[in-house]
Amino acid sequence: MLKGIHWKYYIKCAVIAAILYCIPVFFFLRTTTWSQTWLLYLGNALFMVALVGTVIGFNRRRRGNASSMSMVLAGVITTILGIIISIAICLLLLSVMIPGLYSAGTPDKVLSGEPVNSVPDRSRGPVYLVLFNAFMGNVSTGLFVCIIFPFTLKGDQTKEGASPGQSKV
């Protein structure tokens, strides 16, 4: 099933997407204020730009004639790998930039300026915000790219051949 997959290309693109996502996360963790949470969404936008570049590059490698479903699969594989790598980098950033995160007491850096209705946890917010955004934000933007861009890049979808089993359906 996964025979013809170019893992080096997908891993390279996923690392680029994860690093682009984690750059704004680094700046968010430097300040750790609620008013700077927009940086997390900027990271999602950069992740999306990297995935668009992946799908476009995948289509160019096939001389502009990649099938729509192969571009969708390329985007999904890159999205999954990028999310795993970005969560790993975010955990590393959280461990380094928030001293005392794993100690018994309150960490040295806590989220400040949060709204009244936020529920405080042991880490006082930044861990949940960063990890939830790294997962759900990147899943949302990745699947958006995987649904929209392969079908817009394919110029003439009427000449796309179906596999023998699919043509009988």
N, C-alpha and C. Protein backbone atom coordinates (compact mmCIF):
# COMPACT_ATOMS: atom_id res chain seq x y z
N MET A 1 0.81 -1.19 0.00
CA MET A 1 0.00 0.00 0.00
C MET A 1 0.86 1.26 0.00
N LEU A 2 1.89 1.29 0.80
CA LEU A 2 2.73 2.48 0.89
C LEU A 2 4.07 2.27 0.20
N LYS A 3 4.05 1.60 -0.96
CA LYS A 3 5.29 1.23 -1.64
C LYS A 3 6.00 2.42 -2.29
N GLY A 4 5.32 3.20 -3.08
CA GLY A 4 5.96 4.24 -3.88
C GLY A 4 6.08 5.58 -3.18
N ILE A 5 6.18 5.58 -1.88
CA ILE A 5 6.22 6.84 -1.14
C ILE A 5 7.66 7.32 -1.01
N HIS A 6 7.88 8.57 -1.31
CA HIS A 6 9.20 9.18 -1.25
C HIS A 6 9.40 9.78 0.14
N TRP A 7 9.82 8.95 1.09
CA TRP A 7 9.89 9.36 2.49
C TRP A 7 10.85 10.52 2.71
N LYS A 8 11.99 10.55 1.99
CA LYS A 8 12.95 11.64 2.20
C LYS A 8 12.32 12.99 1.88
N TYR A 9 11.59 13.05 0.81
CA TYR A 9 10.94 14.31 0.41
C TYR A 9 9.90 14.73 1.46
N TYR A 10 9.09 13.79 1.92
CA TYR A 10 8.06 14.12 2.90
C TYR A 10 8.65 14.53 4.24
N ILE A 11 9.70 13.84 4.66
CA ILE A 11 10.33 14.19 5.95
C ILE A 11 10.99 15.56 5.86
N LYS A 12 11.64 15.84 4.72
CA LYS A 12 12.27 17.15 4.55
C LYS A 12 11.21 18.26 4.61
N CYS A 13 10.11 18.07 3.90
CA CYS A 13 9.05 19.08 3.91
C CYS A 13 8.39 19.19 5.28
N ALA A 14 8.24 18.08 5.98
CA ALA A 14 7.63 18.10 7.31
C ALA A 14 8.52 18.81 8.31
N VAL A 15 9.83 18.61 8.21
CA VAL A 15 10.76 19.31 9.12
C VAL A 15 10.71 20.81 8.85
N ILE A 16 10.67 21.20 7.60
CA ILE A 16 10.57 22.63 7.27
C ILE A 16 9.28 23.22 7.83
N ALA A 17 8.16 22.51 7.64
CA ALA A 17 6.88 23.00 8.16
C ALA A 17 6.89 23.09 9.68
N ALA A 18 7.48 22.10 10.34
CA ALA A 18 7.52 22.11 11.81
C ALA A 18 8.40 23.24 12.33
N ILE A 19 9.51 23.48 11.68
CA ILE A 19 10.39 24.57 12.12
C ILE A 19 9.71 25.92 11.89
N LEU A 20 9.05 26.07 10.75
CA LEU A 20 8.32 27.32 10.51
C LEU A 20 7.22 27.52 11.54
N TYR A 21 6.57 26.44 11.97
CA TYR A 21 5.55 26.57 13.01
C TYR A 21 6.17 26.96 14.34
N CYS A 22 7.32 26.40 14.66
CA CYS A 22 7.90 26.59 16.00
C CYS A 22 8.62 27.93 16.18
N ILE A 23 8.91 28.63 15.11
CA ILE A 23 9.54 29.95 15.26
C ILE A 23 8.62 30.92 16.02
N PRO A 24 7.35 31.11 15.64
CA PRO A 24 6.47 31.97 16.44
C PRO A 24 6.20 31.41 17.85
N VAL A 25 6.22 30.08 17.99
CA VAL A 25 6.02 29.49 19.33
C VAL A 25 7.16 29.91 20.25
N PHE A 26 8.37 29.96 19.72
CA PHE A 26 9.52 30.42 20.51
C PHE A 26 9.29 31.84 21.02
N PHE A 27 8.82 32.73 20.16
CA PHE A 27 8.58 34.11 20.58
C PHE A 27 7.41 34.21 21.54
N PHE A 28 6.41 33.34 21.40
CA PHE A 28 5.30 33.31 22.36
C PHE A 28 5.80 32.87 23.74
N LEU A 29 6.65 31.87 23.77
CA LEU A 29 7.13 31.38 25.05
C LEU A 29 8.11 32.35 25.72
N ARG A 30 8.68 33.27 24.97
CA ARG A 30 9.54 34.29 25.59
C ARG A 30 8.73 35.25 26.43
N THR A 31 7.52 35.60 25.97
CA THR A 31 6.70 36.57 26.71
C THR A 31 5.64 35.90 27.56
N THR A 32 5.02 34.87 27.09
CA THR A 32 3.98 34.09 27.75
C THR A 32 2.86 34.97 28.30
N THR A 33 2.32 35.83 27.46
CA THR A 33 1.15 36.62 27.83
C THR A 33 0.00 36.26 26.89
N TRP A 34 -1.20 36.43 27.41
CA TRP A 34 -2.38 36.06 26.63
C TRP A 34 -2.49 36.89 25.37
N SER A 35 -2.06 38.13 25.42
CA SER A 35 -2.17 39.00 24.25
C SER A 35 -1.23 38.58 23.12
N GLN A 36 -0.29 37.69 23.38
CA GLN A 36 0.63 37.22 22.36
C GLN A 36 0.25 35.86 21.77
N THR A 37 -0.95 35.37 22.08
CA THR A 37 -1.36 34.07 21.55
C THR A 37 -1.57 34.10 20.04
N TRP A 38 -1.66 35.27 19.45
CA TRP A 38 -1.78 35.38 18.00
C TRP A 38 -0.55 34.78 17.32
N LEU A 39 0.58 34.72 18.04
CA LEU A 39 1.78 34.13 17.47
C LEU A 39 1.60 32.65 17.17
N LEU A 40 0.77 31.98 17.96
CA LEU A 40 0.51 30.56 17.71
C LEU A 40 -0.24 30.38 16.39
N TYR A 41 -1.15 31.28 16.11
CA TYR A 41 -1.90 31.21 14.84
C TYR A 41 -1.03 31.63 13.66
N LEU A 42 -0.09 32.51 13.90
CA LEU A 42 0.89 32.83 12.86
C LEU A 42 1.71 31.59 12.52
N GLY A 43 2.02 30.80 13.53
CA GLY A 43 2.72 29.54 13.29
C GLY A 43 1.89 28.59 12.45
N ASN A 44 0.57 28.54 12.71
CA ASN A 44 -0.31 27.70 11.88
C ASN A 44 -0.31 28.19 10.43
N ALA A 45 -0.30 29.49 10.23
CA ALA A 45 -0.27 30.03 8.87
C ALA A 45 1.04 29.68 8.17
N LEU A 46 2.16 29.74 8.89
CA LEU A 46 3.44 29.36 8.29
C LEU A 46 3.49 27.87 7.98
N PHE A 47 2.88 27.06 8.85
CA PHE A 47 2.77 25.62 8.60
C PHE A 47 1.98 25.38 7.32
N MET A 48 0.90 26.15 7.15
CA MET A 48 0.07 26.01 5.96
C MET A 48 0.84 26.41 4.70
N VAL A 49 1.62 27.47 4.77
CA VAL A 49 2.41 27.90 3.61
C VAL A 49 3.41 26.81 3.22
N ALA A 50 4.02 26.18 4.22
CA ALA A 50 4.96 25.11 3.92
C ALA A 50 4.25 23.92 3.26
N LEU A 51 3.04 23.61 3.70
CA LEU A 51 2.30 22.50 3.09
C LEU A 51 1.85 22.83 1.68
N VAL A 52 1.49 24.07 1.43
CA VAL A 52 1.14 24.48 0.07
C VAL A 52 2.37 24.31 -0.83
N GLY A 53 3.52 24.70 -0.33
CA GLY A 53 4.75 24.51 -1.09
C GLY A 53 5.05 23.04 -1.34
N THR A 54 4.72 22.20 -0.37
CA THR A 54 4.92 20.76 -0.54
C THR A 54 4.04 20.21 -1.66
N VAL A 55 2.77 20.58 -1.66
CA VAL A 55 1.85 20.07 -2.68
C VAL A 55 2.23 20.61 -4.06
N ILE A 56 2.59 21.88 -4.12
CA ILE A 56 3.01 22.45 -5.40
C ILE A 56 4.30 21.79 -5.89
N GLY A 57 5.26 21.59 -4.97
CA GLY A 57 6.50 20.92 -5.34
C GLY A 57 6.28 19.48 -5.78
N PHE A 58 5.35 18.80 -5.12
CA PHE A 58 5.02 17.43 -5.50
C PHE A 58 4.46 17.38 -6.92
N ASN A 59 3.59 18.34 -7.23
CA ASN A 59 3.01 18.40 -8.57
C ASN A 59 4.09 18.74 -9.61
N ARG A 60 5.01 19.61 -9.28
CA ARG A 60 6.08 19.96 -10.22
C ARG A 60 7.02 18.79 -10.46
N ARG A 61 7.27 18.00 -9.42
CA ARG A 61 8.14 16.83 -9.60
C ARG A 61 7.54 15.84 -10.58
N ARG A 62 6.25 15.88 -10.73
CA ARG A 62 5.56 15.00 -11.67
C ARG A 62 5.20 15.74 -12.96
N ARG A 63 5.90 16.83 -13.23
CA ARG A 63 5.73 17.65 -14.43
C ARG A 63 4.32 18.20 -14.57
N GLY A 64 3.72 18.57 -13.44
CA GLY A 64 2.38 19.15 -13.46
C GLY A 64 1.28 18.17 -13.77
N ASN A 65 1.58 16.88 -13.68
CA ASN A 65 0.59 15.88 -14.06
C ASN A 65 0.32 14.88 -12.94
N ALA A 66 0.54 15.28 -11.70
CA ALA A 66 0.26 14.38 -10.58
C ALA A 66 -1.25 14.24 -10.41
N SER A 67 -1.67 13.06 -10.06
CA SER A 67 -3.11 12.86 -9.85
C SER A 67 -3.55 13.58 -8.58
N SER A 68 -4.80 13.93 -8.53
CA SER A 68 -5.33 14.66 -7.38
C SER A 68 -5.18 13.86 -6.10
N MET A 69 -5.46 12.57 -6.17
CA MET A 69 -5.40 11.74 -4.97
C MET A 69 -3.96 11.54 -4.49
N SER A 70 -3.00 11.50 -5.41
CA SER A 70 -1.61 11.38 -4.97
C SER A 70 -1.16 12.68 -4.29
N MET A 71 -1.65 13.83 -4.76
CA MET A 71 -1.32 15.09 -4.08
C MET A 71 -1.99 15.17 -2.72
N VAL A 72 -3.22 14.65 -2.61
CA VAL A 72 -3.89 14.61 -1.30
C VAL A 72 -3.09 13.74 -0.35
N LEU A 73 -2.66 12.58 -0.81
CA LEU A 73 -1.88 11.68 0.03
C LEU A 73 -0.55 12.31 0.43
N ALA A 74 0.10 12.99 -0.49
CA ALA A 74 1.36 13.68 -0.16
C ALA A 74 1.13 14.73 0.91
N GLY A 75 0.04 15.48 0.80
CA GLY A 75 -0.26 16.49 1.80
C GLY A 75 -0.60 15.90 3.16
N VAL A 76 -1.33 14.80 3.16
CA VAL A 76 -1.71 14.16 4.44
C VAL A 76 -0.49 13.57 5.12
N ILE A 77 0.38 12.90 4.36
CA ILE A 77 1.59 12.33 4.96
C ILE A 77 2.47 13.43 5.53
N THR A 78 2.65 14.50 4.78
CA THR A 78 3.47 15.61 5.26
C THR A 78 2.83 16.28 6.47
N THR A 79 1.51 16.40 6.49
CA THR A 79 0.82 16.98 7.64
C THR A 79 1.04 16.14 8.89
N ILE A 80 0.86 14.84 8.79
CA ILE A 80 1.02 13.97 9.95
C ILE A 80 2.46 14.01 10.47
N LEU A 81 3.42 13.89 9.56
CA LEU A 81 4.82 13.96 9.99
C LEU A 81 5.16 15.33 10.57
N GLY A 82 4.65 16.39 9.96
CA GLY A 82 4.91 17.74 10.46
C GLY A 82 4.33 17.97 11.84
N ILE A 83 3.15 17.41 12.10
CA ILE A 83 2.54 17.57 13.42
C ILE A 83 3.36 16.82 14.47
N ILE A 84 3.78 15.61 14.15
CA ILE A 84 4.59 14.85 15.11
C ILE A 84 5.89 15.57 15.42
N ILE A 85 6.56 16.08 14.40
CA ILE A 85 7.82 16.79 14.60
C ILE A 85 7.60 18.09 15.34
N SER A 86 6.53 18.84 15.01
CA SER A 86 6.29 20.11 15.68
C SER A 86 5.93 19.91 17.15
N ILE A 87 5.19 18.86 17.48
CA ILE A 87 4.88 18.59 18.90
C ILE A 87 6.16 18.24 19.65
N ALA A 88 7.04 17.47 19.02
CA ALA A 88 8.31 17.13 19.67
C ALA A 88 9.16 18.39 19.91
N ILE A 89 9.22 19.27 18.92
CA ILE A 89 9.99 20.51 19.09
C ILE A 89 9.33 21.40 20.14
N CYS A 90 7.99 21.46 20.15
CA CYS A 90 7.30 22.28 21.16
C CYS A 90 7.54 21.75 22.57
N LEU A 91 7.55 20.44 22.74
CA LEU A 91 7.86 19.87 24.06
C LEU A 91 9.27 20.23 24.48
N LEU A 92 10.20 20.21 23.54
CA LEU A 92 11.57 20.61 23.84
C LEU A 92 11.64 22.09 24.21
N LEU A 93 10.95 22.94 23.45
CA LEU A 93 10.92 24.37 23.77
C LEU A 93 10.28 24.63 25.13
N LEU A 94 9.20 23.95 25.43
CA LEU A 94 8.54 24.12 26.73
C LEU A 94 9.47 23.70 27.86
N SER A 95 10.19 22.61 27.68
CA SER A 95 11.09 22.14 28.72
C SER A 95 12.24 23.11 28.97
N VAL A 96 12.74 23.70 27.90
CA VAL A 96 13.89 24.59 28.02
C VAL A 96 13.47 25.98 28.47
N MET A 97 12.36 26.51 27.94
CA MET A 97 12.02 27.91 28.17
C MET A 97 11.16 28.15 29.41
N ILE A 98 10.61 27.09 29.99
CA ILE A 98 9.82 27.27 31.21
C ILE A 98 10.49 26.46 32.32
N PRO A 99 11.38 27.12 33.06
CA PRO A 99 12.06 26.41 34.15
C PRO A 99 11.06 25.99 35.22
N GLY A 100 11.27 24.83 35.77
CA GLY A 100 10.39 24.32 36.82
C GLY A 100 9.09 23.74 36.32
N LEU A 101 9.00 23.45 35.03
CA LEU A 101 7.76 22.93 34.46
C LEU A 101 7.42 21.56 35.02
N TYR A 102 8.43 20.75 35.25
CA TYR A 102 8.19 19.39 35.72
C TYR A 102 8.40 19.24 37.23
N SER A 103 8.58 20.34 37.93
CA SER A 103 8.74 20.26 39.39
C SER A 103 7.37 20.19 40.06
N ALA A 104 7.37 19.98 41.35
CA ALA A 104 6.12 19.80 42.09
C ALA A 104 5.32 21.10 42.22
N GLY A 105 5.98 22.22 42.27
CA GLY A 105 5.29 23.50 42.46
C GLY A 105 4.91 24.16 41.15
N THR A 106 4.61 25.45 41.25
CA THR A 106 4.26 26.25 40.08
C THR A 106 5.53 26.58 39.31
N PRO A 107 5.51 26.49 37.98
CA PRO A 107 6.70 26.82 37.20
C PRO A 107 7.05 28.31 37.31
N ASP A 108 8.27 28.63 36.92
CA ASP A 108 8.73 30.02 37.02
C ASP A 108 7.99 30.95 36.07
N LYS A 109 7.59 30.47 34.91
CA LYS A 109 6.85 31.28 33.94
C LYS A 109 5.41 30.78 33.90
N VAL A 110 4.48 31.68 34.09
CA VAL A 110 3.06 31.34 33.97
C VAL A 110 2.43 32.29 32.96
N LEU A 111 1.30 31.89 32.41
CA LEU A 111 0.58 32.71 31.46
C LEU A 111 -0.05 33.87 32.20
N SER A 112 0.20 35.08 31.74
CA SER A 112 -0.38 36.25 32.40
C SER A 112 -1.37 36.93 31.48
N GLY A 113 -2.34 37.61 32.08
CA GLY A 113 -3.33 38.37 31.33
C GLY A 113 -4.39 37.51 30.69
N GLU A 114 -4.60 36.29 31.18
CA GLU A 114 -5.63 35.43 30.59
C GLU A 114 -7.01 35.90 31.00
N PRO A 115 -8.04 35.55 30.24
CA PRO A 115 -9.40 35.97 30.57
C PRO A 115 -9.87 35.31 31.88
N VAL A 116 -10.92 35.87 32.43
CA VAL A 116 -11.42 35.40 33.72
C VAL A 116 -11.96 33.98 33.62
N ASN A 117 -12.54 33.62 32.51
CA ASN A 117 -13.16 32.31 32.39
C ASN A 117 -12.19 31.18 32.06
N SER A 118 -10.90 31.46 32.01
CA SER A 118 -9.94 30.38 31.74
C SER A 118 -9.75 29.53 33.00
N VAL A 119 -9.59 28.24 32.79
CA VAL A 119 -9.42 27.32 33.91
C VAL A 119 -7.93 27.08 34.11
N PRO A 120 -7.39 27.48 35.25
CA PRO A 120 -5.95 27.29 35.45
C PRO A 120 -5.62 25.83 35.73
N ASP A 121 -4.50 25.40 35.18
CA ASP A 121 -4.01 24.07 35.49
C ASP A 121 -2.68 24.21 36.23
N ARG A 122 -1.99 23.12 36.43
CA ARG A 122 -0.76 23.17 37.21
C ARG A 122 0.29 24.04 36.54
N SER A 123 0.33 24.05 35.22
CA SER A 123 1.35 24.82 34.52
C SER A 123 0.88 26.24 34.20
N ARG A 124 -0.34 26.57 34.58
CA ARG A 124 -0.90 27.90 34.37
C ARG A 124 -1.00 28.31 32.91
N GLY A 125 -1.30 27.37 32.02
CA GLY A 125 -1.72 27.71 30.69
C GLY A 125 -0.84 27.51 29.50
N PRO A 126 0.44 27.88 29.48
CA PRO A 126 1.16 27.84 28.20
C PRO A 126 1.34 26.44 27.63
N VAL A 127 1.43 25.44 28.47
CA VAL A 127 1.63 24.07 27.97
C VAL A 127 0.41 23.63 27.18
N TYR A 128 -0.76 23.82 27.75
CA TYR A 128 -1.99 23.42 27.06
C TYR A 128 -2.18 24.21 25.77
N LEU A 129 -1.97 25.52 25.83
CA LEU A 129 -2.16 26.34 24.63
C LEU A 129 -1.23 25.91 23.50
N VAL A 130 0.02 25.71 23.81
CA VAL A 130 1.00 25.39 22.77
C VAL A 130 0.73 24.01 22.20
N LEU A 131 0.52 23.01 23.04
CA LEU A 131 0.32 21.64 22.54
C LEU A 131 -1.01 21.48 21.82
N PHE A 132 -2.05 22.11 22.34
CA PHE A 132 -3.35 22.02 21.66
C PHE A 132 -3.29 22.70 20.30
N ASN A 133 -2.64 23.85 20.24
CA ASN A 133 -2.53 24.54 18.96
C ASN A 133 -1.61 23.79 18.01
N ALA A 134 -0.56 23.18 18.53
CA ALA A 134 0.34 22.42 17.66
C ALA A 134 -0.38 21.23 17.05
N PHE A 135 -1.34 20.66 17.76
CA PHE A 135 -2.07 19.53 17.21
C PHE A 135 -3.28 19.99 16.39
N MET A 136 -4.23 20.62 17.03
CA MET A 136 -5.49 20.95 16.35
C MET A 136 -5.34 22.03 15.29
N GLY A 137 -4.54 23.03 15.56
CA GLY A 137 -4.34 24.09 14.58
C GLY A 137 -3.67 23.58 13.32
N ASN A 138 -2.66 22.72 13.50
CA ASN A 138 -1.96 22.18 12.34
C ASN A 138 -2.77 21.11 11.63
N VAL A 139 -3.59 20.36 12.36
CA VAL A 139 -4.50 19.41 11.70
C VAL A 139 -5.48 20.17 10.81
N SER A 140 -6.04 21.24 11.35
CA SER A 140 -7.02 22.03 10.59
C SER A 140 -6.42 22.65 9.35
N THR A 141 -5.28 23.30 9.50
CA THR A 141 -4.68 23.95 8.34
C THR A 141 -4.14 22.91 7.35
N GLY A 142 -3.60 21.81 7.86
CA GLY A 142 -3.09 20.77 6.98
C GLY A 142 -4.18 20.12 6.15
N LEU A 143 -5.29 19.81 6.78
CA LEU A 143 -6.39 19.19 6.03
C LEU A 143 -7.04 20.19 5.07
N PHE A 144 -7.05 21.46 5.43
CA PHE A 144 -7.54 22.48 4.51
C PHE A 144 -6.70 22.49 3.23
N VAL A 145 -5.39 22.48 3.40
CA VAL A 145 -4.50 22.46 2.24
C VAL A 145 -4.70 21.18 1.44
N CYS A 146 -4.83 20.05 2.14
CA CYS A 146 -4.97 18.75 1.45
C CYS A 146 -6.28 18.64 0.68
N ILE A 147 -7.29 19.36 1.09
CA ILE A 147 -8.57 19.30 0.40
C ILE A 147 -8.64 20.31 -0.76
N ILE A 148 -8.15 21.51 -0.54
CA ILE A 148 -8.32 22.59 -1.52
C ILE A 148 -7.27 22.54 -2.64
N PHE A 149 -6.00 22.49 -2.30
CA PHE A 149 -4.95 22.72 -3.29
C PHE A 149 -4.76 21.62 -4.32
N PRO A 150 -4.85 20.34 -3.98
CA PRO A 150 -4.65 19.34 -5.06
C PRO A 150 -5.67 19.47 -6.18
N PHE A 151 -6.88 19.84 -5.86
CA PHE A 151 -7.91 19.92 -6.89
C PHE A 151 -7.83 21.23 -7.66
N THR A 152 -7.21 22.25 -7.09
CA THR A 152 -7.02 23.50 -7.84
C THR A 152 -5.77 23.44 -8.71
N LEU A 153 -4.80 22.63 -8.32
CA LEU A 153 -3.57 22.52 -9.13
C LEU A 153 -3.76 21.64 -10.35
N LYS A 154 -4.70 20.74 -10.27
CA LYS A 154 -4.93 19.82 -11.39
C LYS A 154 -5.73 20.57 -12.45
N GLY A 155 -5.10 20.82 -13.58
CA GLY A 155 -5.74 21.62 -14.61
C GLY A 155 -6.92 20.95 -15.25
N ASP A 156 -6.73 19.75 -15.77
CA ASP A 156 -7.79 19.06 -16.48
C ASP A 156 -8.06 17.74 -15.77
N GLN A 157 -9.08 17.72 -14.93
CA GLN A 157 -9.37 16.53 -14.14
C GLN A 157 -10.20 15.51 -14.92
N THR A 158 -10.67 15.88 -16.09
CA THR A 158 -11.47 14.93 -16.87
C THR A 158 -10.61 13.84 -17.49
N LYS A 159 -9.31 14.12 -17.69
CA LYS A 159 -8.42 13.14 -18.30
C LYS A 159 -7.67 12.33 -17.28
N GLU A 160 -8.02 12.46 -16.02
CA GLU A 160 -7.33 11.69 -14.97
C GLU A 160 -7.86 10.26 -15.01
N GLY A 161 -6.97 9.32 -15.19
CA GLY A 161 -7.36 7.93 -15.28
C GLY A 161 -7.61 7.34 -13.92
N ALA A 162 -8.60 6.48 -13.85
CA ALA A 162 -8.89 5.78 -12.60
C ALA A 162 -8.26 4.39 -12.64
N SER A 163 -7.97 3.88 -11.45
CA SER A 163 -7.42 2.54 -11.37
C SER A 163 -8.49 1.54 -11.83
N PRO A 164 -8.10 0.35 -12.26
CA PRO A 164 -9.09 -0.61 -12.80
C PRO A 164 -10.22 -0.93 -11.83
N GLY A 165 -9.90 -1.09 -10.57
CA GLY A 165 -10.96 -1.40 -9.60
C GLY A 165 -11.87 -0.23 -9.34
N GLN A 166 -11.35 0.96 -9.49
CA GLN A 166 -12.14 2.16 -9.21
C GLN A 166 -13.06 2.51 -10.36
N SER A 167 -12.71 2.14 -11.56
CA SER A 167 -13.52 2.51 -12.72
C SER A 167 -14.81 1.71 -12.77
N LYS A 168 -14.89 0.58 -12.08
CA LYS A 168 -16.11 -0.23 -12.08
C LYS A 168 -17.15 0.29 -11.12
N VAL A 169 -16.76 1.14 -10.21
CA VAL A 169 -17.70 1.63 -9.19
C VAL A 169 -18.62 2.65 -9.71
